[in-house]
């Protein structure tokens, strides 16, 4: 029989390893959207925070989380969504940032809490994940998903996506 502490720890590991459907190279643990995993009344309660309200991946994430936890031996899974505090790209782990860079996606710069400031001038340069140059240009504010923008490096001419700081 699995002890209460082992069950929660194992459930957390199973939940944290769930891949993000839009960025499958990252897990929800890497993204920092997994907020809490607890055992209650013989089941598991998992709390997640979407990267932004209305995120279309939430339906797939919750279905995948439930399926993975059921397959790991947790027949009763309750999923909760916590909107406050809102998710921040600062919650992406160092491992998650490294995975993004290895995949050629520039990780977001630090936001360090507080509101995202409105800037009327040019945005700060995004470092190229291919060559490391700061001489880049944003080609399109929205990429394949709403959380990414399309950029090109002026130094090596490589196009790349960059995850937005939120």
Foldseek 3Di string as FASTA:
>chain_A
DQDQVRLQVVLCVLLQQDAQPVHRLHGLVQQQQFDGWHDDPQAIETEGEDQDPPFPRPVVSVVSSQVSSVVVPGPDYHYHYDPPPHRWSQSRDPVNQVSCLVVFEQEEDDPPDDDDDDDPDDDQFTQGSPPRDSQKDFPACDDPHNQWTWMAHPVVRDIGIYGYTD
